[in-house]
Amino acid sequence: METFKKAKEIASDQLFFIDGLSSVRHAVELMKIKNVQALLIQKRNSSDANGIVTVNDIINGVVIPNKTFDEVSVYEIMTKPVFSIPAHLNVKYVAKLMCNYGVKIAPVEENGEYIGIIDYAQFLFSALLPND
C-alpha cells in the first residue's frame, strides 16, 4: 500500500481569527504582527459560516480602488463561506483542488474544526521538495 502525506501534515498551525466588523486596518496590523497572509472570520453564531480575508482580498478590495484601511470593514471584502481542505486529503490532490476552486490559501478542516492552513508556497516547500 502506498503511503502519502496528508494535508494536515503540511498545514501551518498559524490560524488567527478576526471579527468581521473590524476595520481592514486592524486586519492588516494583525497580519503583519502574526506574519500571515490570511485571517479567518469569527462566526457570529453557531449557524453562521466562517469567512476568510486574505492579502489578495485587501489589495483588490481596498488598495486598487484607492480606499482607506479605516473606511472598509473586513466583512465587505471577505470570502464567505470559506473553502476548506479536508485534513486527510492526499497532498497530491491539494494543489489541484485549490486551483479548481480558485483559492491560493485555505484552512485545513478536521471533524468540523480548522486545524491548520495551506498556501501555494507552503505546498511547494512541504509537499513537493524531498526532505534533506
N, C-alpha and C. Protein backbone atom coordinates (compact mmCIF):
# COMPACT_ATOMS: atom_id res chain seq x y z
N MET A 1 0.84 -1.18 0.00
CA MET A 1 0.00 0.00 0.00
C MET A 1 0.89 1.24 0.00
N GLU A 2 0.56 2.19 -0.87
CA GLU A 2 1.32 3.43 -0.99
C GLU A 2 1.04 4.34 0.20
N THR A 3 2.11 4.88 0.75
CA THR A 3 1.92 5.85 1.83
C THR A 3 1.99 7.25 1.23
N PHE A 4 1.24 8.14 1.78
CA PHE A 4 1.22 9.50 1.28
C PHE A 4 1.04 10.47 2.44
N LYS A 5 1.54 11.67 2.22
CA LYS A 5 1.32 12.72 3.20
C LYS A 5 -0.12 13.19 3.10
N LYS A 6 -0.65 13.58 4.23
CA LYS A 6 -2.00 14.14 4.28
C LYS A 6 -1.89 15.65 4.37
N ALA A 7 -2.95 16.32 3.97
CA ALA A 7 -2.99 17.79 4.00
C ALA A 7 -2.62 18.31 5.38
N LYS A 8 -3.11 17.67 6.43
CA LYS A 8 -2.84 18.16 7.78
C LYS A 8 -1.36 18.07 8.15
N GLU A 9 -0.61 17.21 7.49
CA GLU A 9 0.81 17.06 7.78
C GLU A 9 1.66 18.20 7.22
N ILE A 10 1.14 18.90 6.21
CA ILE A 10 1.90 20.01 5.64
C ILE A 10 1.31 21.37 6.01
N ALA A 11 0.18 21.35 6.71
CA ALA A 11 -0.50 22.61 7.07
C ALA A 11 0.26 23.36 8.16
N SER A 12 0.24 24.68 8.06
CA SER A 12 0.77 25.53 9.12
C SER A 12 -0.28 25.62 10.22
N ASP A 13 0.17 25.74 11.45
CA ASP A 13 -0.79 25.91 12.54
C ASP A 13 -1.03 27.39 12.86
N GLN A 14 -0.64 28.26 11.97
CA GLN A 14 -0.77 29.71 12.16
C GLN A 14 -2.17 30.19 11.76
N LEU A 15 -3.16 29.83 12.56
CA LEU A 15 -4.55 30.23 12.33
C LEU A 15 -4.90 31.37 13.27
N PHE A 16 -5.37 32.46 12.71
CA PHE A 16 -5.77 33.60 13.53
C PHE A 16 -7.13 34.07 13.05
N PHE A 17 -7.94 34.48 13.99
CA PHE A 17 -9.32 34.91 13.71
C PHE A 17 -9.47 36.40 13.96
N ILE A 18 -10.46 37.00 13.28
CA ILE A 18 -10.78 38.40 13.43
C ILE A 18 -12.30 38.56 13.32
N ASP A 19 -12.83 39.56 13.97
CA ASP A 19 -14.25 39.87 13.86
C ASP A 19 -14.51 40.52 12.51
N GLY A 20 -15.58 40.14 11.85
CA GLY A 20 -15.91 40.68 10.54
C GLY A 20 -16.19 42.18 10.54
N LEU A 21 -16.56 42.72 11.69
CA LEU A 21 -16.83 44.15 11.79
C LEU A 21 -15.57 44.98 11.99
N SER A 22 -14.44 44.32 12.17
CA SER A 22 -13.17 45.04 12.33
C SER A 22 -12.81 45.77 11.05
N SER A 23 -12.04 46.83 11.21
CA SER A 23 -11.57 47.57 10.04
C SER A 23 -10.47 46.77 9.34
N VAL A 24 -10.29 47.07 8.08
CA VAL A 24 -9.21 46.44 7.33
C VAL A 24 -7.87 46.84 7.94
N ARG A 25 -7.77 48.05 8.49
CA ARG A 25 -6.54 48.46 9.17
C ARG A 25 -6.18 47.46 10.27
N HIS A 26 -7.17 47.10 11.09
CA HIS A 26 -6.93 46.14 12.16
C HIS A 26 -6.48 44.79 11.59
N ALA A 27 -7.11 44.37 10.49
CA ALA A 27 -6.73 43.10 9.86
C ALA A 27 -5.29 43.14 9.36
N VAL A 28 -4.91 44.23 8.71
CA VAL A 28 -3.55 44.36 8.18
C VAL A 28 -2.54 44.37 9.33
N GLU A 29 -2.86 45.09 10.40
CA GLU A 29 -1.95 45.12 11.56
C GLU A 29 -1.78 43.73 12.15
N LEU A 30 -2.88 42.99 12.29
CA LEU A 30 -2.81 41.63 12.83
C LEU A 30 -2.02 40.71 11.91
N MET A 31 -2.25 40.82 10.60
CA MET A 31 -1.49 40.01 9.64
C MET A 31 0.00 40.30 9.75
N LYS A 32 0.34 41.58 9.89
CA LYS A 32 1.75 41.97 9.98
C LYS A 32 2.38 41.42 11.27
N ILE A 33 1.69 41.59 12.39
CA ILE A 33 2.21 41.11 13.68
C ILE A 33 2.39 39.60 13.67
N LYS A 34 1.41 38.89 13.15
CA LYS A 34 1.43 37.42 13.16
C LYS A 34 2.17 36.83 11.96
N ASN A 35 2.54 37.68 10.99
CA ASN A 35 3.24 37.25 9.78
C ASN A 35 2.46 36.18 9.03
N VAL A 36 1.18 36.50 8.75
CA VAL A 36 0.31 35.59 8.00
C VAL A 36 -0.32 36.34 6.83
N GLN A 37 -0.83 35.58 5.87
CA GLN A 37 -1.44 36.18 4.68
C GLN A 37 -2.96 36.04 4.66
N ALA A 38 -3.54 35.47 5.73
CA ALA A 38 -4.99 35.31 5.78
C ALA A 38 -5.44 35.25 7.23
N LEU A 39 -6.66 35.72 7.45
CA LEU A 39 -7.31 35.63 8.75
C LEU A 39 -8.68 35.01 8.55
N LEU A 40 -9.07 34.14 9.46
CA LEU A 40 -10.41 33.58 9.42
C LEU A 40 -11.35 34.51 10.16
N ILE A 41 -12.57 34.60 9.68
CA ILE A 41 -13.56 35.48 10.28
C ILE A 41 -14.33 34.69 11.33
N GLN A 42 -14.44 35.26 12.53
CA GLN A 42 -15.17 34.62 13.60
C GLN A 42 -16.65 34.52 13.25
N LYS A 43 -17.25 33.38 13.57
CA LYS A 43 -18.68 33.20 13.36
C LYS A 43 -19.45 34.11 14.32
N ARG A 44 -20.58 34.62 13.87
CA ARG A 44 -21.46 35.44 14.72
C ARG A 44 -22.33 34.55 15.61
N ASN A 45 -22.66 33.35 15.11
CA ASN A 45 -23.44 32.39 15.90
C ASN A 45 -23.17 31.00 15.33
N SER A 46 -23.72 29.98 15.98
CA SER A 46 -23.38 28.60 15.59
C SER A 46 -23.90 28.22 14.21
N SER A 47 -24.93 28.89 13.70
CA SER A 47 -25.43 28.55 12.37
C SER A 47 -24.78 29.37 11.26
N ASP A 48 -23.88 30.26 11.64
CA ASP A 48 -23.17 31.10 10.68
C ASP A 48 -22.06 30.29 10.02
N ALA A 49 -21.60 30.75 8.88
CA ALA A 49 -20.46 30.13 8.19
C ALA A 49 -19.22 30.99 8.43
N ASN A 50 -18.07 30.36 8.48
CA ASN A 50 -16.82 31.11 8.60
C ASN A 50 -16.51 31.80 7.28
N GLY A 51 -15.77 32.87 7.36
CA GLY A 51 -15.26 33.56 6.20
C GLY A 51 -13.75 33.63 6.29
N ILE A 52 -13.14 34.20 5.28
CA ILE A 52 -11.69 34.38 5.26
C ILE A 52 -11.38 35.69 4.56
N VAL A 53 -10.37 36.38 5.05
CA VAL A 53 -9.87 37.58 4.37
C VAL A 53 -8.38 37.36 4.13
N THR A 54 -7.95 37.62 2.90
CA THR A 54 -6.57 37.38 2.52
C THR A 54 -5.91 38.69 2.09
N VAL A 55 -4.60 38.65 1.97
CA VAL A 55 -3.86 39.81 1.45
C VAL A 55 -4.41 40.18 0.08
N ASN A 56 -4.69 39.19 -0.74
CA ASN A 56 -5.24 39.43 -2.07
C ASN A 56 -6.58 40.17 -2.00
N ASP A 57 -7.44 39.78 -1.05
CA ASP A 57 -8.72 40.47 -0.87
C ASP A 57 -8.51 41.94 -0.53
N ILE A 58 -7.53 42.21 0.30
CA ILE A 58 -7.25 43.59 0.72
C ILE A 58 -6.70 44.41 -0.45
N ILE A 59 -5.81 43.81 -1.21
CA ILE A 59 -5.28 44.52 -2.39
C ILE A 59 -6.41 44.84 -3.36
N ASN A 60 -7.23 43.82 -3.69
CA ASN A 60 -8.31 44.01 -4.66
C ASN A 60 -9.47 44.86 -4.14
N GLY A 61 -9.76 44.77 -2.85
CA GLY A 61 -10.93 45.46 -2.31
C GLY A 61 -10.67 46.82 -1.71
N VAL A 62 -9.39 47.11 -1.41
CA VAL A 62 -9.08 48.38 -0.75
C VAL A 62 -8.00 49.17 -1.50
N VAL A 63 -6.87 48.54 -1.74
CA VAL A 63 -5.73 49.25 -2.33
C VAL A 63 -6.02 49.67 -3.77
N ILE A 64 -6.43 48.75 -4.61
CA ILE A 64 -6.67 49.07 -6.02
C ILE A 64 -7.79 50.10 -6.19
N PRO A 65 -8.92 49.97 -5.46
CA PRO A 65 -9.96 51.01 -5.60
C PRO A 65 -9.64 52.31 -4.86
N ASN A 66 -8.44 52.38 -4.27
CA ASN A 66 -7.96 53.59 -3.60
C ASN A 66 -8.84 54.00 -2.42
N LYS A 67 -9.24 53.02 -1.62
CA LYS A 67 -9.97 53.28 -0.38
C LYS A 67 -8.97 53.28 0.77
N THR A 68 -9.39 53.75 1.93
CA THR A 68 -8.50 53.71 3.09
C THR A 68 -8.79 52.47 3.92
N PHE A 69 -7.79 52.04 4.66
CA PHE A 69 -7.94 50.87 5.51
C PHE A 69 -8.99 51.08 6.60
N ASP A 70 -9.25 52.34 6.95
CA ASP A 70 -10.21 52.63 8.01
C ASP A 70 -11.66 52.68 7.52
N GLU A 71 -11.88 52.95 6.25
CA GLU A 71 -13.24 53.10 5.75
C GLU A 71 -13.88 51.78 5.32
N VAL A 72 -13.12 50.71 5.28
CA VAL A 72 -13.64 49.42 4.83
C VAL A 72 -13.57 48.42 5.98
N SER A 73 -14.66 47.70 6.18
CA SER A 73 -14.70 46.63 7.18
C SER A 73 -14.32 45.31 6.53
N VAL A 74 -13.80 44.43 7.33
CA VAL A 74 -13.39 43.12 6.83
C VAL A 74 -14.54 42.42 6.11
N TYR A 75 -15.75 42.49 6.66
CA TYR A 75 -16.87 41.77 6.06
C TYR A 75 -17.18 42.24 4.63
N GLU A 76 -16.79 43.46 4.28
CA GLU A 76 -17.07 43.98 2.94
C GLU A 76 -16.21 43.32 1.86
N ILE A 77 -15.07 42.78 2.25
CA ILE A 77 -14.15 42.22 1.25
C ILE A 77 -13.84 40.74 1.45
N MET A 78 -14.34 40.15 2.53
CA MET A 78 -14.03 38.75 2.84
C MET A 78 -14.72 37.80 1.87
N THR A 79 -14.26 36.58 1.86
CA THR A 79 -14.88 35.49 1.12
C THR A 79 -15.64 34.64 2.13
N LYS A 80 -16.91 34.38 1.82
CA LYS A 80 -17.73 33.59 2.74
C LYS A 80 -18.74 32.81 1.93
N PRO A 81 -18.94 31.54 2.17
CA PRO A 81 -18.26 30.72 3.16
C PRO A 81 -16.85 30.38 2.72
N VAL A 82 -16.02 30.07 3.67
CA VAL A 82 -14.64 29.76 3.38
C VAL A 82 -14.54 28.35 2.77
N PHE A 83 -13.67 28.22 1.79
CA PHE A 83 -13.36 26.92 1.19
C PHE A 83 -12.31 26.28 2.08
N SER A 84 -12.51 25.03 2.47
CA SER A 84 -11.52 24.36 3.31
C SER A 84 -11.08 23.04 2.68
N ILE A 85 -9.93 22.59 3.12
CA ILE A 85 -9.32 21.36 2.61
C ILE A 85 -9.49 20.27 3.66
N PRO A 86 -9.98 19.11 3.27
CA PRO A 86 -10.10 18.00 4.23
C PRO A 86 -8.73 17.58 4.76
N ALA A 87 -8.63 17.40 6.06
CA ALA A 87 -7.35 17.10 6.72
C ALA A 87 -6.68 15.84 6.19
N HIS A 88 -7.45 14.86 5.80
CA HIS A 88 -6.87 13.58 5.37
C HIS A 88 -6.69 13.46 3.86
N LEU A 89 -6.88 14.57 3.14
CA LEU A 89 -6.70 14.55 1.69
C LEU A 89 -5.23 14.30 1.34
N ASN A 90 -5.00 13.43 0.39
CA ASN A 90 -3.66 13.16 -0.13
C ASN A 90 -3.09 14.47 -0.69
N VAL A 91 -1.87 14.83 -0.31
CA VAL A 91 -1.31 16.11 -0.73
C VAL A 91 -1.19 16.24 -2.24
N LYS A 92 -1.12 15.13 -2.94
CA LYS A 92 -1.01 15.24 -4.40
C LYS A 92 -2.27 15.84 -5.02
N TYR A 93 -3.37 15.89 -4.26
CA TYR A 93 -4.61 16.48 -4.76
C TYR A 93 -4.86 17.90 -4.25
N VAL A 94 -4.07 18.35 -3.30
CA VAL A 94 -4.30 19.66 -2.68
C VAL A 94 -4.22 20.81 -3.69
N ALA A 95 -3.15 20.87 -4.46
CA ALA A 95 -2.98 21.98 -5.40
C ALA A 95 -4.07 21.98 -6.47
N LYS A 96 -4.43 20.81 -6.97
CA LYS A 96 -5.49 20.74 -7.99
C LYS A 96 -6.82 21.21 -7.42
N LEU A 97 -7.12 20.80 -6.21
CA LEU A 97 -8.37 21.22 -5.57
C LEU A 97 -8.40 22.73 -5.38
N MET A 98 -7.30 23.29 -4.88
CA MET A 98 -7.23 24.74 -4.67
C MET A 98 -7.36 25.48 -6.00
N CYS A 99 -6.70 24.99 -7.02
CA CYS A 99 -6.76 25.60 -8.35
C CYS A 99 -8.18 25.53 -8.91
N ASN A 100 -8.83 24.38 -8.77
CA ASN A 100 -10.19 24.21 -9.28
C ASN A 100 -11.17 25.19 -8.64
N TYR A 101 -10.91 25.54 -7.38
CA TYR A 101 -11.80 26.47 -6.67
C TYR A 101 -11.29 27.91 -6.68
N GLY A 102 -10.14 28.13 -7.32
CA GLY A 102 -9.61 29.48 -7.45
C GLY A 102 -9.12 30.10 -6.16
N VAL A 103 -8.59 29.29 -5.25
CA VAL A 103 -8.06 29.81 -4.00
C VAL A 103 -6.56 29.56 -3.91
N LYS A 104 -5.86 30.49 -3.29
CA LYS A 104 -4.41 30.37 -3.13
C LYS A 104 -4.02 30.02 -1.70
N ILE A 105 -4.99 30.12 -0.81
CA ILE A 105 -4.76 29.81 0.60
C ILE A 105 -6.07 29.31 1.18
N ALA A 106 -6.00 28.27 2.01
CA ALA A 106 -7.23 27.69 2.55
C ALA A 106 -6.94 27.00 3.88
N PRO A 107 -7.91 27.05 4.80
CA PRO A 107 -7.74 26.32 6.05
C PRO A 107 -7.94 24.82 5.83
N VAL A 108 -7.35 24.05 6.72
CA VAL A 108 -7.49 22.60 6.71
C VAL A 108 -8.48 22.25 7.82
N GLU A 109 -9.46 21.43 7.46
CA GLU A 109 -10.55 21.12 8.39
C GLU A 109 -10.56 19.64 8.76
N GLU A 110 -10.74 19.40 10.05
CA GLU A 110 -10.86 18.03 10.55
C GLU A 110 -11.95 18.00 11.61
N ASN A 111 -12.93 17.12 11.43
CA ASN A 111 -14.05 16.98 12.36
C ASN A 111 -14.74 18.32 12.64
N GLY A 112 -14.92 19.12 11.60
CA GLY A 112 -15.64 20.38 11.75
C GLY A 112 -14.84 21.51 12.35
N GLU A 113 -13.56 21.30 12.60
CA GLU A 113 -12.71 22.33 13.19
C GLU A 113 -11.54 22.63 12.26
N TYR A 114 -11.12 23.88 12.23
CA TYR A 114 -9.93 24.25 11.46
C TYR A 114 -8.70 23.93 12.29
N ILE A 115 -7.78 23.19 11.68
CA ILE A 115 -6.59 22.76 12.41
C ILE A 115 -5.30 23.32 11.80
N GLY A 116 -5.39 23.96 10.66
CA GLY A 116 -4.21 24.49 10.00
C GLY A 116 -4.61 25.28 8.78
N ILE A 117 -3.60 25.72 8.05
CA ILE A 117 -3.85 26.48 6.83
C ILE A 117 -2.75 26.16 5.82
N ILE A 118 -3.10 26.11 4.55
CA ILE A 118 -2.14 25.80 3.48
C ILE A 118 -2.22 26.89 2.43
N ASP A 119 -1.04 27.33 1.98
CA ASP A 119 -0.99 28.22 0.81
C ASP A 119 -0.08 27.56 -0.22
N TYR A 120 -0.07 28.13 -1.43
CA TYR A 120 0.69 27.50 -2.51
C TYR A 120 2.17 27.34 -2.18
N ALA A 121 2.80 28.37 -1.62
CA ALA A 121 4.23 28.28 -1.30
C ALA A 121 4.50 27.16 -0.31
N GLN A 122 3.67 27.09 0.71
CA GLN A 122 3.82 26.04 1.71
C GLN A 122 3.65 24.66 1.07
N PHE A 123 2.71 24.55 0.17
CA PHE A 123 2.50 23.30 -0.54
C PHE A 123 3.77 22.89 -1.29
N LEU A 124 4.35 23.84 -2.03
CA LEU A 124 5.56 23.54 -2.78
C LEU A 124 6.71 23.11 -1.87
N PHE A 125 6.91 23.87 -0.82
CA PHE A 125 8.05 23.61 0.07
C PHE A 125 7.88 22.34 0.88
N SER A 126 6.67 22.05 1.34
CA SER A 126 6.44 20.92 2.22
C SER A 126 6.07 19.62 1.52
N ALA A 127 5.37 19.73 0.42
CA ALA A 127 4.84 18.52 -0.21
C ALA A 127 5.66 18.04 -1.40
N LEU A 128 6.29 18.97 -2.11
CA LEU A 128 6.94 18.57 -3.35
C LEU A 128 8.45 18.42 -3.28
N LEU A 129 9.08 19.13 -2.34
CA LEU A 129 10.53 19.01 -2.23
C LEU A 129 10.88 17.86 -1.29
N PRO A 130 11.84 17.04 -1.67
CA PRO A 130 12.23 15.93 -0.79
C PRO A 130 12.87 16.47 0.49
N ASN A 131 12.68 15.73 1.57
CA ASN A 131 13.32 16.10 2.84
C ASN A 131 14.81 15.81 2.74
N ASP A 132 15.59 16.77 3.19
CA ASP A 132 17.05 16.57 3.16
C ASP A 132 17.56 16.21 4.53
